[in-house]
Amino acid sequence: MGETIPIAVPRKGRPLESVLDRLARRLDIPELADDITSTLRHEKAVTKGTVDSEPGAEEHVYHRLADYSAVDDPTEPEYTLLRDDRAGKPRRIVFDSVTIPLEGVDGVPDDAAIQLIGREEPFRALRTHEFALGFDSADLILEEVVELRPEPLDRIADINARIDPADTDVRVVTGLGDTVYHTLMATPDVAPSGESLDRSFLESYEGPLCIEPRYERLVQAVLGTRTLDDVGFEYPAEGREEEAAIADTGLGVYLTVTGSTAREHGLLLGEQLFPSETVLLETKPEVTDTAAAVRALLNGADLKTELAVET
């Protein structure tokens, strides 16, 4: 086998499933993708206690790990254990690695391969030049390296223009279209019916805005610092559901798919501020000719809703 391109990927959850979906379509490996996805969904259910587990399941986790992992065949998936903070479930099986040969794939050397390697924070692994390519949530980039400006940021395609080249060599290549939006929400007394609930509303608003603490920098980036001149951040009390806390505050930003839970709390849904999307990333100085061919293979939209990003 020739050059193997390591690619950093999330260890679990929606972002990893989005990566596997992209690879299943581009490399015609639906069985491998389904195997990894179904295994991790089952383990998530075991961790959360939503499926019955045998007595002594904590000890049995090592047996399941051994059953899932094919350590003698790199083309079969391997898994590992992570600590989980849920009471009574201190370990969770997550994705570790798999090698995928690229023989017969157009535009890529026949003896090349890719190796998916699970990382808790793939973006940070790319920042330290461990990988040429990787996938991670666009949120983390906003939280760590995107410059804060008076003007709002509302598209994946505009991220690169706000990354200081002196700060990192990592750039966004494309989004995968697994879009969940950070959405503005308010109670009817704060945003009466018929009044627009968007960035322009916030420009004239003075008062508290409820957000998760980890999203403070992201919210500043997507709303723009000018919009937040007279706005003060408030955070949910420990153990308080985010949407319930927004209802208490009157106005907030929350990551939502349908908004159904928000409506249960009497909240109105406003502008979709920014897509929380899994993105393909590259560390430019580390991109070899083969890595560039793999990047081209993974780039571009599968769905009309996806945005390719100029690099």
Protein backbone atom coordinates (compact mmCIF):
# COMPACT_ATOMS: atom_id res chain seq x y z
CA MET A 1 0.00 0.00 0.00
CA GLY A 2 1.26 3.48 -0.89
CA GLU A 3 0.67 6.71 1.00
CA THR A 4 -1.95 6.57 3.73
CA ILE A 5 -3.57 9.91 4.55
CA PRO A 6 -4.64 10.17 8.21
CA ILE A 7 -7.86 12.14 8.71
CA ALA A 8 -8.95 13.35 12.14
CA VAL A 9 -12.64 12.72 12.82
CA PRO A 10 -14.95 13.07 15.84
CA ARG A 11 -15.21 9.97 18.02
CA LYS A 12 -19.00 9.84 18.19
CA GLY A 13 -22.29 11.62 17.57
CA ARG A 14 -23.88 13.50 14.70
CA PRO A 15 -20.60 14.94 13.32
CA LEU A 16 -19.04 11.49 12.95
CA GLU A 17 -22.21 10.13 11.34
CA SER A 18 -22.13 13.01 8.84
CA VAL A 19 -18.53 12.17 7.96
CA LEU A 20 -19.42 8.50 7.51
CA ASP A 21 -22.38 9.43 5.31
CA ARG A 22 -20.09 11.51 3.08
CA LEU A 23 -17.55 8.69 2.84
CA ALA A 24 -20.24 6.08 2.18
CA ARG A 25 -21.40 8.04 -0.87
CA ARG A 26 -17.99 9.08 -2.18
CA LEU A 27 -16.16 5.78 -1.59
CA ASP A 28 -19.09 3.34 -1.92
CA ILE A 29 -18.61 1.91 1.59
CA PRO A 30 -22.17 1.94 2.99
CA GLU A 31 -21.72 -1.32 4.92
CA LEU A 32 -18.67 -0.04 6.81
CA ALA A 33 -20.36 3.28 7.58
CA ASP A 34 -23.55 1.55 8.77
CA ASP A 35 -21.54 -0.85 10.94
CA ILE A 36 -19.75 1.98 12.77
CA THR A 37 -22.90 4.09 13.10
CA SER A 38 -25.08 1.27 14.44
CA THR A 39 -22.40 0.16 16.91
CA LEU A 40 -21.98 3.66 18.35
CA ARG A 41 -25.73 4.30 18.50
CA HIS A 42 -26.16 1.11 20.50
CA GLU A 43 -23.36 2.07 22.86
CA LYS A 44 -24.85 5.53 23.32
CA ALA A 45 -28.15 3.91 24.25
CA VAL A 46 -26.36 1.64 26.74
CA THR A 47 -24.56 4.62 28.26
CA LYS A 48 -27.78 6.60 28.58
CA GLY A 49 -29.67 3.63 29.96
CA THR A 50 -32.29 3.67 27.20
CA VAL A 51 -31.70 0.00 26.38
CA ASP A 52 -31.56 -2.83 28.85
CA SER A 53 -28.06 -3.89 29.79
CA GLU A 54 -26.98 -7.02 31.56
CA PRO A 55 -26.04 -7.01 35.23
CA GLY A 56 -22.38 -6.09 35.51
CA ALA A 57 -22.51 -4.23 32.19
CA GLU A 58 -19.62 -2.05 33.30
CA GLU A 59 -17.38 -5.12 33.34
CA HIS A 60 -18.92 -6.43 30.13
CA VAL A 61 -17.95 -3.25 28.30
CA TYR A 62 -14.49 -4.73 27.80
CA HIS A 63 -15.98 -7.84 26.22
CA ARG A 64 -18.11 -5.73 23.87
CA LEU A 65 -15.06 -3.65 23.00
CA ALA A 66 -13.13 -6.80 22.11
CA ASP A 67 -16.06 -8.08 20.02
CA TYR A 68 -16.35 -4.83 18.07
CA SER A 69 -12.65 -4.20 17.41
CA ALA A 70 -10.68 -6.05 14.74
CA VAL A 71 -7.16 -5.20 15.88
CA ASP A 72 -5.50 -7.55 13.36
CA ASP A 73 -7.20 -6.00 10.31
CA PRO A 74 -6.78 -2.22 9.88
CA THR A 75 -9.57 -2.15 7.27
CA GLU A 76 -12.06 -3.16 9.97
CA PRO A 77 -13.10 -0.57 12.58
CA GLU A 78 -11.43 -0.38 15.96
CA TYR A 79 -12.98 1.23 19.03
CA THR A 80 -11.77 2.53 22.38
CA LEU A 81 -13.14 3.59 25.77
CA LEU A 82 -13.72 7.11 27.06
CA ARG A 83 -14.78 8.25 30.49
CA ASP A 84 -18.41 9.41 30.65
CA ASP A 85 -19.63 11.84 33.29
CA ARG A 86 -23.02 10.17 33.81
CA ALA A 87 -23.42 8.57 37.22
CA GLY A 88 -22.89 4.84 37.09
CA LYS A 89 -21.68 4.88 33.47
CA PRO A 90 -18.03 5.90 33.70
CA ARG A 91 -16.96 4.40 30.36
CA ARG A 92 -18.32 4.67 26.84
CA ILE A 93 -17.22 2.87 23.69
CA VAL A 94 -16.30 5.32 20.93
CA PHE A 95 -14.68 5.17 17.49
CA ASP A 96 -10.90 4.86 17.31
CA SER A 97 -9.72 4.12 13.76
CA VAL A 98 -10.17 2.37 10.44
CA THR A 99 -8.16 2.28 7.20
CA ILE A 100 -9.97 2.55 3.87
CA PRO A 101 -8.06 1.59 0.68
CA LEU A 102 -8.71 3.91 -2.28
CA GLU A 103 -7.98 1.43 -5.05
CA GLY A 104 -10.06 2.23 -8.11
CA VAL A 105 -11.15 5.65 -6.85
CA ASP A 106 -10.89 8.24 -9.62
CA GLY A 107 -8.29 10.95 -9.15
CA VAL A 108 -6.43 9.19 -6.31
CA PRO A 109 -3.34 6.93 -6.66
CA ASP A 110 -4.45 3.29 -6.74
CA ASP A 111 -2.20 2.27 -3.85
CA ALA A 112 -3.30 5.12 -1.58
CA ALA A 113 -5.55 4.84 1.46
CA ILE A 114 -7.11 7.00 4.13
CA GLN A 115 -7.08 6.28 7.84
CA LEU A 116 -9.86 7.77 9.92
CA ILE A 117 -8.56 8.50 13.42
CA GLY A 118 -10.92 9.45 16.22
CA ARG A 119 -10.09 12.58 18.21
CA GLU A 120 -12.04 14.37 20.92
CA GLU A 121 -11.28 17.71 19.26
CA PRO A 122 -10.12 17.17 15.65
CA PHE A 123 -9.77 20.91 14.97
CA ARG A 124 -7.17 21.25 17.72
CA ALA A 125 -5.26 18.26 16.33
CA LEU A 126 -5.09 20.03 12.98
CA ARG A 127 -3.91 23.24 14.67
CA THR A 128 -0.88 21.37 16.01
CA HIS A 129 -0.13 20.02 12.51
CA GLU A 130 -0.83 16.40 13.45
CA PHE A 131 -3.09 16.05 10.39
CA ALA A 132 -3.42 17.56 6.94
CA LEU A 133 -7.17 16.87 6.82
CA GLY A 134 -9.94 16.51 9.36
CA PHE A 135 -13.57 17.05 10.20
CA ASP A 136 -15.06 18.96 13.12
CA SER A 137 -17.92 21.25 14.06
CA ALA A 138 -17.82 24.78 12.68
CA ASP A 139 -18.81 25.91 16.19
CA LEU A 140 -15.39 25.09 17.61
CA ILE A 141 -13.68 27.29 15.01
CA LEU A 142 -15.89 30.23 15.97
CA GLU A 143 -15.26 29.57 19.64
CA GLU A 144 -11.47 29.52 19.22
CA VAL A 145 -10.03 31.45 16.26
CA VAL A 146 -12.58 33.53 14.36
CA GLU A 147 -12.02 37.27 14.81
CA LEU A 148 -14.80 39.22 16.52
CA ARG A 149 -16.00 42.13 14.38
CA PRO A 150 -18.83 44.67 14.55
CA GLU A 151 -20.52 42.95 11.59
CA PRO A 152 -22.26 39.57 12.03
CA LEU A 153 -21.04 36.26 10.63
CA ASP A 154 -23.85 34.14 9.23
CA ARG A 155 -22.34 31.76 6.65
CA ILE A 156 -19.88 28.89 6.74
CA ALA A 157 -18.40 30.31 3.55
CA ASP A 158 -17.23 33.46 5.37
CA ILE A 159 -15.27 31.76 8.16
CA ASN A 160 -11.88 31.71 6.44
CA ALA A 161 -11.90 35.46 5.90
CA ARG A 162 -12.07 35.89 9.68
CA ILE A 163 -9.19 33.59 10.58
CA ASP A 164 -5.92 35.37 11.32
CA PRO A 165 -3.17 33.57 9.33
CA ALA A 166 -0.79 34.23 12.23
CA ASP A 167 -3.12 32.32 14.57
CA THR A 168 -3.58 29.06 12.68
CA ASP A 169 -2.90 27.39 9.32
CA VAL A 170 -6.22 25.52 9.44
CA ARG A 171 -8.89 26.50 6.92
CA VAL A 172 -12.43 25.34 6.14
CA VAL A 173 -12.79 23.47 2.85
CA THR A 174 -16.52 22.69 2.76
CA GLY A 175 -19.56 22.04 4.91
CA LEU A 176 -21.31 18.68 5.02
CA GLY A 177 -24.86 20.00 5.17
CA ASP A 178 -25.79 18.41 8.52
CA THR A 179 -27.21 21.75 9.54
CA VAL A 180 -28.58 22.58 12.98
CA TYR A 181 -29.07 26.29 13.60
CA HIS A 182 -28.22 28.56 16.48
CA THR A 183 -31.59 30.29 16.66
CA LEU A 184 -32.85 33.45 18.32
CA MET A 185 -35.78 32.77 20.70
CA ALA A 186 -37.96 35.03 22.83
CA THR A 187 -41.12 35.11 24.91
CA PRO A 188 -44.11 37.01 23.46
CA ASP A 189 -43.79 39.80 26.02
CA VAL A 190 -40.22 40.53 24.88
CA ALA A 191 -40.92 40.13 21.16
CA PRO A 192 -44.61 40.79 20.56
CA SER A 193 -46.36 38.98 17.73
CA GLY A 194 -45.78 40.67 14.39
CA GLU A 195 -42.45 42.18 15.43
CA SER A 196 -39.40 40.76 13.69
CA LEU A 197 -37.18 38.64 15.92
CA ASP A 198 -33.82 39.00 14.22
CA ARG A 199 -30.54 40.87 14.37
CA SER A 200 -32.26 44.18 13.70
CA PHE A 201 -34.48 43.54 16.74
CA LEU A 202 -31.37 43.01 18.87
CA GLU A 203 -29.87 46.31 17.68
CA SER A 204 -32.63 48.19 19.48
CA TYR A 205 -32.91 45.75 22.38
CA GLU A 206 -31.46 46.54 25.80
CA GLY A 207 -31.38 43.78 28.38
CA PRO A 208 -30.30 40.20 29.10
CA LEU A 209 -29.65 37.48 26.53
CA CYS A 210 -29.54 33.88 27.78
CA ILE A 211 -26.86 31.64 26.26
CA GLU A 212 -24.72 28.67 27.20
CA PRO A 213 -21.37 29.94 28.57
CA ARG A 214 -19.37 27.90 26.05
CA TYR A 215 -21.10 29.76 23.20
CA GLU A 216 -20.29 33.29 24.37
CA ARG A 217 -17.61 33.94 21.77
CA LEU A 218 -19.61 32.18 19.06
CA VAL A 219 -22.66 34.36 19.77
CA GLN A 220 -20.49 37.48 19.68
CA ALA A 221 -19.18 36.41 16.27
CA VAL A 222 -22.52 35.54 14.68
CA LEU A 223 -24.39 38.56 16.02
CA GLY A 224 -21.57 41.06 15.64
CA THR A 225 -20.22 43.11 18.51
CA ARG A 226 -22.14 46.23 17.43
CA THR A 227 -25.46 44.40 17.87
CA LEU A 228 -24.51 43.48 21.44
CA ASP A 229 -23.65 46.99 22.67
CA ASP A 230 -26.53 47.15 25.17
CA VAL A 231 -26.99 43.40 25.68
CA GLY A 232 -25.77 41.47 28.73
CA PHE A 233 -25.26 37.71 28.72
CA GLU A 234 -27.00 35.50 31.26
CA TYR A 235 -26.43 31.77 31.70
CA PRO A 236 -28.73 28.88 32.67
CA ALA A 237 -28.50 27.83 36.28
CA GLU A 238 -26.83 24.48 36.81
CA GLY A 239 -29.26 21.71 35.91
CA ARG A 240 -31.73 24.11 34.29
CA GLU A 241 -32.83 23.19 30.77
CA GLU A 242 -31.57 25.77 28.27
CA GLU A 243 -34.92 26.59 26.71
CA ALA A 244 -36.57 26.89 30.12
CA ALA A 245 -33.81 29.30 31.14
CA ILE A 246 -34.40 31.35 27.98
CA ALA A 247 -38.10 31.52 28.86
CA ASP A 248 -37.13 32.80 32.33
CA THR A 249 -34.87 35.47 30.80
CA GLY A 250 -37.20 36.38 27.94
CA LEU A 251 -34.64 36.25 25.13
CA GLY A 252 -31.85 33.88 24.18
CA VAL A 253 -29.96 31.86 21.59
CA TYR A 254 -30.20 28.09 21.44
CA LEU A 255 -29.13 25.30 19.09
CA THR A 256 -32.29 23.68 17.72
CA VAL A 257 -33.48 21.41 14.94
CA THR A 258 -37.25 21.89 14.91
CA GLY A 259 -37.94 24.28 17.80
CA SER A 260 -40.68 22.01 19.14
CA THR A 261 -39.30 22.05 22.70
CA ALA A 262 -38.94 25.82 22.55
CA ARG A 263 -42.63 26.17 21.72
CA GLU A 264 -43.48 23.96 24.69
CA HIS A 265 -41.86 26.66 26.83
CA GLY A 266 -43.90 29.38 25.13
CA LEU A 267 -40.98 30.68 23.09
CA LEU A 268 -41.20 32.27 19.67
CA LEU A 269 -38.60 31.20 17.11
CA GLY A 270 -36.70 34.00 15.41
CA GLU A 271 -33.83 34.25 12.97
CA GLN A 272 -31.59 31.27 12.30
CA LEU A 273 -28.30 32.93 13.14
CA PHE A 274 -25.63 30.45 12.14
CA PRO A 275 -25.47 26.82 10.96
CA SER A 276 -23.84 24.42 13.40
CA GLU A 277 -22.41 22.22 10.69
CA THR A 278 -19.68 19.62 10.38
CA VAL A 279 -16.93 20.94 8.11
CA LEU A 280 -13.99 19.49 6.23
CA LEU A 281 -10.77 21.17 7.37
CA GLU A 282 -7.23 21.31 6.03
CA THR A 283 -3.88 22.32 7.49
CA LYS A 284 -2.43 23.88 4.37
CA PRO A 285 1.31 23.29 4.98
CA GLU A 286 0.69 19.57 5.58
CA VAL A 287 -1.26 18.89 2.36
CA THR A 288 0.70 16.56 0.06
CA ASP A 289 -0.31 15.79 -3.52
CA THR A 290 -2.14 12.67 -2.35
CA ALA A 291 -3.84 14.58 0.47
CA ALA A 292 -4.94 17.20 -2.08
CA ALA A 293 -6.47 14.44 -4.21
CA VAL A 294 -8.33 13.09 -1.16
CA ARG A 295 -9.48 16.62 -0.30
CA ALA A 296 -10.87 17.05 -3.82
CA LEU A 297 -12.65 13.70 -3.50
CA LEU A 298 -14.33 14.76 -0.24
CA ASN A 299 -15.02 18.36 -1.29
CA GLY A 300 -18.20 19.68 -2.88
CA ALA A 301 -21.85 19.31 -2.07
CA ASP A 302 -23.91 16.14 -2.00
CA LEU A 303 -27.08 18.15 -1.26
CA LYS A 304 -28.36 21.46 -2.59
CA THR A 305 -28.26 22.92 0.89
CA GLU A 306 -24.50 22.49 1.27
CA LEU A 307 -22.05 25.33 0.72
CA ALA A 308 -18.64 24.82 -0.80
CA VAL A 309 -16.09 27.23 0.63
CA GLU A 310 -13.48 28.99 -1.41
CA THR A 311 -9.99 28.40 -0.04
